[in-house]
Each structure stands twice: as C-alpha cells, then as structure tokens.
Amino acid sequence: RGNVLDAVRENGLSADAIFACGPAPMLRALKAYAAEN
C-alpha cells in the first residue's frame, strides 16, 4: 500500500542504479532517494 518507494523499503530492495518513468512527484522523490543512497 503506497508508492514505489514504499515498496522498495518494505521489500528491502537495493541496487546500483535507478531507471524510472512516471509523474514528477515520483521522480522528484526518486532523485532524492538515489542521492541519499
């Protein structure tokens, strides 16, 4: 329940990179998440 970052956190996912497409609020959150990690 929630957004794509909620699914990443709930499932403990990690990777070397993110490739994404979607609405601006989602992309803004992914940009910040990638920079933090």
All heavy atoms as atom14 arrays in JSON, in Angstrom:
{
  "sequence": "RGNVLDAVRENGLSADAIFACGPAPMLRALKAYAAEN",
  "atom14_mask": [
    [1, 1, 1, 1, 1, 1, 1, 1, 1, 1, 1, 0, 0, 0],
    [1, 1, 1, 1, 0, 0, 0, 0, 0, 0, 0, 0, 0, 0],
    [1, 1, 1, 1, 1, 1, 1, 1, 0, 0, 0, 0, 0, 0],
    [1, 1, 1, 1, 1, 1, 1, 0, 0, 0, 0, 0, 0, 0],
    [1, 1, 1, 1, 1, 1, 1, 1, 0, 0, 0, 0, 0, 0],
    [1, 1, 1, 1, 1, 1, 1, 1, 0, 0, 0, 0, 0, 0],
    [1, 1, 1, 1, 1, 0, 0, 0, 0, 0, 0, 0, 0, 0],
    [1, 1, 1, 1, 1, 1, 1, 0, 0, 0, 0, 0, 0, 0],
    [1, 1, 1, 1, 1, 1, 1, 1, 1, 1, 1, 0, 0, 0],
    [1, 1, 1, 1, 1, 1, 1, 1, 1, 0, 0, 0, 0, 0],
    [1, 1, 1, 1, 1, 1, 1, 1, 0, 0, 0, 0, 0, 0],
    [1, 1, 1, 1, 0, 0, 0, 0, 0, 0, 0, 0, 0, 0],
    [1, 1, 1, 1, 1, 1, 1, 1, 0, 0, 0, 0, 0, 0],
    [1, 1, 1, 1, 1, 1, 0, 0, 0, 0, 0, 0, 0, 0],
    [1, 1, 1, 1, 1, 0, 0, 0, 0, 0, 0, 0, 0, 0],
    [1, 1, 1, 1, 1, 1, 1, 1, 0, 0, 0, 0, 0, 0],
    [1, 1, 1, 1, 1, 0, 0, 0, 0, 0, 0, 0, 0, 0],
    [1, 1, 1, 1, 1, 1, 1, 1, 0, 0, 0, 0, 0, 0],
    [1, 1, 1, 1, 1, 1, 1, 1, 1, 1, 1, 0, 0, 0],
    [1, 1, 1, 1, 1, 0, 0, 0, 0, 0, 0, 0, 0, 0],
    [1, 1, 1, 1, 1, 1, 0, 0, 0, 0, 0, 0, 0, 0],
    [1, 1, 1, 1, 0, 0, 0, 0, 0, 0, 0, 0, 0, 0],
    [1, 1, 1, 1, 1, 1, 1, 0, 0, 0, 0, 0, 0, 0],
    [1, 1, 1, 1, 1, 0, 0, 0, 0, 0, 0, 0, 0, 0],
    [1, 1, 1, 1, 1, 1, 1, 0, 0, 0, 0, 0, 0, 0],
    [1, 1, 1, 1, 1, 1, 1, 1, 0, 0, 0, 0, 0, 0],
    [1, 1, 1, 1, 1, 1, 1, 1, 0, 0, 0, 0, 0, 0],
    [1, 1, 1, 1, 1, 1, 1, 1, 1, 1, 1, 0, 0, 0],
    [1, 1, 1, 1, 1, 0, 0, 0, 0, 0, 0, 0, 0, 0],
    [1, 1, 1, 1, 1, 1, 1, 1, 0, 0, 0, 0, 0, 0],
    [1, 1, 1, 1, 1, 1, 1, 1, 1, 0, 0, 0, 0, 0],
    [1, 1, 1, 1, 1, 0, 0, 0, 0, 0, 0, 0, 0, 0],
    [1, 1, 1, 1, 1, 1, 1, 1, 1, 1, 1, 1, 0, 0],
    [1, 1, 1, 1, 1, 0, 0, 0, 0, 0, 0, 0, 0, 0],
    [1, 1, 1, 1, 1, 0, 0, 0, 0, 0, 0, 0, 0, 0],
    [1, 1, 1, 1, 1, 1, 1, 1, 1, 0, 0, 0, 0, 0],
    [1, 1, 1, 1, 1, 1, 1, 1, 0, 0, 0, 0, 0, 0]
  ],
  "atom14_positions": [
    [[0.86, -1.19, 0.0], [0.0, 0.0, 0.0], [0.9, 1.24, 0.0], [1.75, 1.42, 0.89], [-0.91, 0.03, 1.22], [-1.8, 1.3, 1.28], [-2.55, 1.4, 2.58], [-3.59, 0.38, 2.66], [-4.84, 0.51, 2.17], [-5.17, 1.66, 1.58], [-5.71, -0.46, 2.3], [0.0, 0.0, 0.0], [0.0, 0.0, 0.0], [0.0, 0.0, 0.0]],
    [[0.72, 2.08, -1.0], [1.51, 3.29, -1.07], [2.14, 3.48, -2.44], [1.56, 3.1, -3.45], [0.0, 0.0, 0.0], [0.0, 0.0, 0.0], [0.0, 0.0, 0.0], [0.0, 0.0, 0.0], [0.0, 0.0, 0.0], [0.0, 0.0, 0.0], [0.0, 0.0, 0.0], [0.0, 0.0, 0.0], [0.0, 0.0, 0.0], [0.0, 0.0, 0.0]],
    [[3.36, 4.03, -2.46], [4.02, 4.33, -3.73], [5.21, 3.4, -3.95], [5.48, 2.5, -3.15], [4.43, 5.8, -3.77], [5.36, 6.18, -2.62], [6.23, 5.4, -2.23], [5.18, 7.38, -2.08], [0.0, 0.0, 0.0], [0.0, 0.0, 0.0], [0.0, 0.0, 0.0], [0.0, 0.0, 0.0], [0.0, 0.0, 0.0], [0.0, 0.0, 0.0]],
    [[5.95, 3.65, -5.02], [7.04, 2.75, -5.39], [8.16, 2.75, -4.34], [8.76, 1.71, -4.09], [7.6, 3.1, -6.79], [6.59, 2.76, -7.87], [8.03, 4.56, -6.88], [0.0, 0.0, 0.0], [0.0, 0.0, 0.0], [0.0, 0.0, 0.0], [0.0, 0.0, 0.0], [0.0, 0.0, 0.0], [0.0, 0.0, 0.0], [0.0, 0.0, 0.0]],
    [[8.42, 3.88, -3.72], [9.45, 3.9, -2.68], [9.0, 3.14, -1.44], [9.82, 2.52, -0.75], [9.81, 5.34, -2.32], [10.94, 5.97, -3.15], [11.19, 7.4, -2.7], [12.22, 5.14, -3.07], [0.0, 0.0, 0.0], [0.0, 0.0, 0.0], [0.0, 0.0, 0.0], [0.0, 0.0, 0.0], [0.0, 0.0, 0.0], [0.0, 0.0, 0.0]],
    [[7.71, 3.16, -1.15], [7.2, 2.35, -0.04], [7.46, 0.87, -0.32], [7.83, 0.11, 0.59], [5.7, 2.58, 0.15], [5.38, 3.98, 0.64], [6.17, 4.51, 1.44], [4.36, 4.54, 0.21], [0.0, 0.0, 0.0], [0.0, 0.0, 0.0], [0.0, 0.0, 0.0], [0.0, 0.0, 0.0], [0.0, 0.0, 0.0], [0.0, 0.0, 0.0]],
    [[7.29, 0.45, -1.59], [7.55, -0.95, -1.95], [9.03, -1.28, -1.85], [9.4, -2.39, -1.42], [7.05, -1.22, -3.38], [0.0, 0.0, 0.0], [0.0, 0.0, 0.0], [0.0, 0.0, 0.0], [0.0, 0.0, 0.0], [0.0, 0.0, 0.0], [0.0, 0.0, 0.0], [0.0, 0.0, 0.0], [0.0, 0.0, 0.0], [0.0, 0.0, 0.0]],
    [[9.9, -0.35, -2.23], [11.34, -0.57, -2.1], [11.71, -0.79, -0.64], [12.44, -1.73, -0.3], [12.11, 0.64, -2.68], [13.59, 0.58, -2.29], [11.98, 0.68, -4.2], [0.0, 0.0, 0.0], [0.0, 0.0, 0.0], [0.0, 0.0, 0.0], [0.0, 0.0, 0.0], [0.0, 0.0, 0.0], [0.0, 0.0, 0.0], [0.0, 0.0, 0.0]],
    [[11.2, 0.05, 0.22], [11.54, -0.05, 1.65], [10.93, -1.29, 2.29], [11.59, -1.98, 3.07], [11.08, 1.21, 2.36], [11.82, 2.48, 1.89], [11.39, 3.7, 2.66], [12.15, 4.88, 2.24], [11.62, 5.93, 1.61], [10.33, 5.95, 1.31], [12.38, 6.97, 1.26], [0.0, 0.0, 0.0], [0.0, 0.0, 0.0], [0.0, 0.0, 0.0]],
    [[9.68, -1.59, 1.95], [9.03, -2.75, 2.55], [9.72, -4.05, 2.18], [9.8, -4.99, 3.0], [7.56, -2.81, 2.11], [6.79, -3.98, 2.7], [5.32, -3.94, 2.35], [4.56, -3.25, 3.04], [4.92, -4.6, 1.36], [0.0, 0.0, 0.0], [0.0, 0.0, 0.0], [0.0, 0.0, 0.0], [0.0, 0.0, 0.0], [0.0, 0.0, 0.0]],
    [[10.24, -4.12, 0.95], [10.88, -5.35, 0.47], [12.39, -5.34, 0.62], [13.06, -6.29, 0.21], [10.49, -5.59, -0.99], [9.03, -5.94, -1.16], [8.61, -7.05, -0.89], [8.23, -4.96, -1.59], [0.0, 0.0, 0.0], [0.0, 0.0, 0.0], [0.0, 0.0, 0.0], [0.0, 0.0, 0.0], [0.0, 0.0, 0.0], [0.0, 0.0, 0.0]],
    [[12.94, -4.27, 1.2], [14.37, -4.2, 1.43], [15.19, -4.26, 0.16], [16.26, -4.89, 0.13], [0.0, 0.0, 0.0], [0.0, 0.0, 0.0], [0.0, 0.0, 0.0], [0.0, 0.0, 0.0], [0.0, 0.0, 0.0], [0.0, 0.0, 0.0], [0.0, 0.0, 0.0], [0.0, 0.0, 0.0], [0.0, 0.0, 0.0], [0.0, 0.0, 0.0]],
    [[14.73, -3.58, -0.9], [15.41, -3.65, -2.19], [16.6, -2.71, -2.25], [16.57, -1.59, -1.71], [14.42, -3.31, -3.32], [13.13, -4.14, -3.36], [12.29, -3.71, -4.55], [13.42, -5.63, -3.4], [0.0, 0.0, 0.0], [0.0, 0.0, 0.0], [0.0, 0.0, 0.0], [0.0, 0.0, 0.0], [0.0, 0.0, 0.0], [0.0, 0.0, 0.0]],
    [[17.63, -3.14, -2.95], [18.81, -2.3, -3.17], [19.34, -2.57, -4.57], [19.08, -3.62, -5.15], [19.89, -2.59, -2.13], [20.33, -3.93, -2.24], [0.0, 0.0, 0.0], [0.0, 0.0, 0.0], [0.0, 0.0, 0.0], [0.0, 0.0, 0.0], [0.0, 0.0, 0.0], [0.0, 0.0, 0.0], [0.0, 0.0, 0.0], [0.0, 0.0, 0.0]],
    [[20.08, -1.61, -5.11], [20.61, -1.76, -6.47], [21.72, -0.73, -6.69], [21.97, 0.13, -5.85], [19.5, -1.57, -7.5], [0.0, 0.0, 0.0], [0.0, 0.0, 0.0], [0.0, 0.0, 0.0], [0.0, 0.0, 0.0], [0.0, 0.0, 0.0], [0.0, 0.0, 0.0], [0.0, 0.0, 0.0], [0.0, 0.0, 0.0], [0.0, 0.0, 0.0]],
    [[22.36, -0.86, -7.85], [23.41, 0.08, -8.22], [22.85, 1.36, -8.83], [23.51, 2.41, -8.8], [24.35, -0.56, -9.24], [24.97, -1.85, -8.71], [25.47, -1.84, -7.58], [24.92, -2.87, -9.44], [0.0, 0.0, 0.0], [0.0, 0.0, 0.0], [0.0, 0.0, 0.0], [0.0, 0.0, 0.0], [0.0, 0.0, 0.0], [0.0, 0.0, 0.0]],
    [[21.66, 1.25, -9.42], [21.1, 2.4, -10.14], [19.59, 2.3, -10.19], [19.0, 1.22, -9.99], [21.67, 2.46, -11.56], [0.0, 0.0, 0.0], [0.0, 0.0, 0.0], [0.0, 0.0, 0.0], [0.0, 0.0, 0.0], [0.0, 0.0, 0.0], [0.0, 0.0, 0.0], [0.0, 0.0, 0.0], [0.0, 0.0, 0.0], [0.0, 0.0, 0.0]],
    [[18.97, 3.43, -10.48], [17.52, 3.52, -10.69], [17.28, 4.05, -12.09], [17.87, 5.05, -12.5], [16.87, 4.47, -9.67], [16.91, 3.87, -8.26], [15.43, 4.79, -10.06], [16.42, 4.81, -7.18], [0.0, 0.0, 0.0], [0.0, 0.0, 0.0], [0.0, 0.0, 0.0], [0.0, 0.0, 0.0], [0.0, 0.0, 0.0], [0.0, 0.0, 0.0]],
    [[16.41, 3.38, -12.84], [15.89, 3.87, -14.11], [14.38, 4.01, -13.92], [13.71, 3.04, -13.55], [16.14, 2.88, -15.25], [17.58, 2.76, -15.7], [18.61, 3.36, -15.01], [17.89, 2.02, -16.83], [19.93, 3.23, -15.43], [19.2, 1.88, -17.27], [20.22, 2.49, -16.56], [0.0, 0.0, 0.0], [0.0, 0.0, 0.0], [0.0, 0.0, 0.0]],
    [[13.83, 5.2, -14.16], [12.43, 5.43, -13.79], [11.69, 6.3, -14.8], [12.28, 7.12, -15.49], [12.35, 6.07, -12.41], [0.0, 0.0, 0.0], [0.0, 0.0, 0.0], [0.0, 0.0, 0.0], [0.0, 0.0, 0.0], [0.0, 0.0, 0.0], [0.0, 0.0, 0.0], [0.0, 0.0, 0.0], [0.0, 0.0, 0.0], [0.0, 0.0, 0.0]],
    [[10.36, 6.1, -14.82], [9.47, 6.93, -15.61], [8.17, 7.06, -14.84], [7.64, 6.06, -14.33], [9.21, 6.3, -16.99], [8.14, 7.3, -18.06], [0.0, 0.0, 0.0], [0.0, 0.0, 0.0], [0.0, 0.0, 0.0], [0.0, 0.0, 0.0], [0.0, 0.0, 0.0], [0.0, 0.0, 0.0], [0.0, 0.0, 0.0], [0.0, 0.0, 0.0]],
    [[7.65, 8.27, -14.76], [6.41, 8.47, -14.03], [6.14, 9.95, -13.8], [6.84, 10.82, -14.33], [0.0, 0.0, 0.0], [0.0, 0.0, 0.0], [0.0, 0.0, 0.0], [0.0, 0.0, 0.0], [0.0, 0.0, 0.0], [0.0, 0.0, 0.0], [0.0, 0.0, 0.0], [0.0, 0.0, 0.0], [0.0, 0.0, 0.0], [0.0, 0.0, 0.0]],
    [[5.15, 10.25, -12.96], [4.81, 11.65, -12.69], [5.92, 12.37, -11.92], [6.74, 11.74, -11.23], [3.53, 11.55, -11.87], [3.55, 10.17, -11.29], [4.26, 9.31, -12.28], [0.0, 0.0, 0.0], [0.0, 0.0, 0.0], [0.0, 0.0, 0.0], [0.0, 0.0, 0.0], [0.0, 0.0, 0.0], [0.0, 0.0, 0.0], [0.0, 0.0, 0.0]],
    [[5.93, 13.69, -12.02], [7.0, 14.49, -11.44], [7.21, 14.28, -9.94], [8.36, 14.18, -9.49], [6.76, 15.98, -11.74], [0.0, 0.0, 0.0], [0.0, 0.0, 0.0], [0.0, 0.0, 0.0], [0.0, 0.0, 0.0], [0.0, 0.0, 0.0], [0.0, 0.0, 0.0], [0.0, 0.0, 0.0], [0.0, 0.0, 0.0], [0.0, 0.0, 0.0]],
    [[6.15, 14.19, -9.11], [6.41, 13.97, -7.68], [7.16, 12.66, -7.42], [8.03, 12.6, -6.54], [5.0, 13.94, -7.08], [4.17, 14.75, -8.02], [4.72, 14.44, -9.38], [0.0, 0.0, 0.0], [0.0, 0.0, 0.0], [0.0, 0.0, 0.0], [0.0, 0.0, 0.0], [0.0, 0.0, 0.0], [0.0, 0.0, 0.0], [0.0, 0.0, 0.0]],
    [[6.84, 11.62, -8.17], [7.54, 10.35, -8.02], [9.0, 10.5, -8.41], [9.9, 10.05, -7.68], [6.87, 9.29, -8.9], [7.65, 8.0, -9.04], [6.87, 6.88, -10.23], [8.33, 6.04, -10.88], [0.0, 0.0, 0.0], [0.0, 0.0, 0.0], [0.0, 0.0, 0.0], [0.0, 0.0, 0.0], [0.0, 0.0, 0.0], [0.0, 0.0, 0.0]],
    [[9.27, 11.14, -9.53], [10.65, 11.29, -9.99], [11.45, 12.17, -9.04], [12.64, 11.92, -8.81], [10.67, 11.88, -11.41], [9.96, 11.05, -12.48], [10.13, 11.7, -13.85], [10.46, 9.62, -12.51], [0.0, 0.0, 0.0], [0.0, 0.0, 0.0], [0.0, 0.0, 0.0], [0.0, 0.0, 0.0], [0.0, 0.0, 0.0], [0.0, 0.0, 0.0]],
    [[10.81, 13.18, -8.49], [11.5, 14.05, -7.53], [11.93, 13.25, -6.3], [13.06, 13.39, -5.81], [10.56, 15.19, -7.13], [11.22, 16.3, -6.33], [10.24, 17.42, -6.04], [9.69, 17.98, -7.26], [8.4, 17.93, -7.6], [7.52, 17.33, -6.83], [8.0, 18.47, -8.74], [0.0, 0.0, 0.0], [0.0, 0.0, 0.0], [0.0, 0.0, 0.0]],
    [[11.04, 12.38, -5.83], [11.36, 11.56, -4.66], [12.46, 10.55, -4.97], [13.34, 10.3, -4.15], [10.1, 10.84, -4.18], [0.0, 0.0, 0.0], [0.0, 0.0, 0.0], [0.0, 0.0, 0.0], [0.0, 0.0, 0.0], [0.0, 0.0, 0.0], [0.0, 0.0, 0.0], [0.0, 0.0, 0.0], [0.0, 0.0, 0.0], [0.0, 0.0, 0.0]],
    [[12.44, 9.99, -6.18], [13.47, 9.01, -6.56], [14.82, 9.67, -6.72], [15.86, 9.08, -6.37], [13.06, 8.3, -7.85], [11.86, 7.37, -7.76], [11.56, 6.74, -9.11], [12.07, 6.29, -6.7], [0.0, 0.0, 0.0], [0.0, 0.0, 0.0], [0.0, 0.0, 0.0], [0.0, 0.0, 0.0], [0.0, 0.0, 0.0], [0.0, 0.0, 0.0]],
    [[14.85, 10.89, -7.25], [16.11, 11.61, -7.37], [16.74, 11.82, -6.0], [17.94, 11.58, -5.8], [15.88, 12.96, -8.06], [17.14, 13.81, -8.15], [16.88, 15.15, -8.83], [18.15, 16.01, -8.83], [17.95, 17.3, -9.53], [0.0, 0.0, 0.0], [0.0, 0.0, 0.0], [0.0, 0.0, 0.0], [0.0, 0.0, 0.0], [0.0, 0.0, 0.0]],
    [[15.93, 12.24, -5.03], [16.43, 12.45, -3.67], [16.88, 11.14, -3.04], [17.93, 11.08, -2.39], [15.35, 13.12, -2.82], [0.0, 0.0, 0.0], [0.0, 0.0, 0.0], [0.0, 0.0, 0.0], [0.0, 0.0, 0.0], [0.0, 0.0, 0.0], [0.0, 0.0, 0.0], [0.0, 0.0, 0.0], [0.0, 0.0, 0.0], [0.0, 0.0, 0.0]],
    [[16.1, 10.08, -3.25], [16.44, 8.77, -2.67], [17.77, 8.26, -3.23], [18.61, 7.75, -2.49], [15.32, 7.78, -2.97], [15.56, 6.38, -2.45], [15.27, 6.06, -1.13], [16.09, 5.39, -3.28], [15.49, 4.77, -0.64], [16.32, 4.11, -2.8], [16.02, 3.81, -1.48], [16.25, 2.54, -1.01], [0.0, 0.0, 0.0], [0.0, 0.0, 0.0]],
    [[17.95, 8.4, -4.55], [19.19, 7.94, -5.18], [20.39, 8.72, -4.65], [21.45, 8.15, -4.38], [19.08, 8.07, -6.69], [0.0, 0.0, 0.0], [0.0, 0.0, 0.0], [0.0, 0.0, 0.0], [0.0, 0.0, 0.0], [0.0, 0.0, 0.0], [0.0, 0.0, 0.0], [0.0, 0.0, 0.0], [0.0, 0.0, 0.0], [0.0, 0.0, 0.0]],
    [[20.24, 10.03, -4.5], [21.34, 10.85, -3.99], [21.7, 10.46, -2.56], [22.88, 10.37, -2.19], [20.96, 12.32, -4.06], [0.0, 0.0, 0.0], [0.0, 0.0, 0.0], [0.0, 0.0, 0.0], [0.0, 0.0, 0.0], [0.0, 0.0, 0.0], [0.0, 0.0, 0.0], [0.0, 0.0, 0.0], [0.0, 0.0, 0.0], [0.0, 0.0, 0.0]],
    [[20.68, 10.2, -1.74], [20.92, 9.81, -0.35], [21.64, 8.48, -0.24], [22.4, 8.25, 0.71], [19.58, 9.73, 0.39], [18.9, 11.07, 0.61], [17.46, 10.91, 1.08], [17.05, 9.75, 1.32], [16.76, 11.92, 1.19], [0.0, 0.0, 0.0], [0.0, 0.0, 0.0], [0.0, 0.0, 0.0], [0.0, 0.0, 0.0], [0.0, 0.0, 0.0]],
    [[21.4, 7.6, -1.22], [21.95, 6.25, -1.15], [23.11, 6.0, -2.11], [23.52, 4.86, -2.3], [20.83, 5.24, -1.41], [19.83, 5.17, -0.28], [20.03, 4.46, 0.69], [18.75, 5.94, -0.4], [0.0, 0.0, 0.0], [0.0, 0.0, 0.0], [0.0, 0.0, 0.0], [0.0, 0.0, 0.0], [0.0, 0.0, 0.0], [0.0, 0.0, 0.0]]
  ]
}
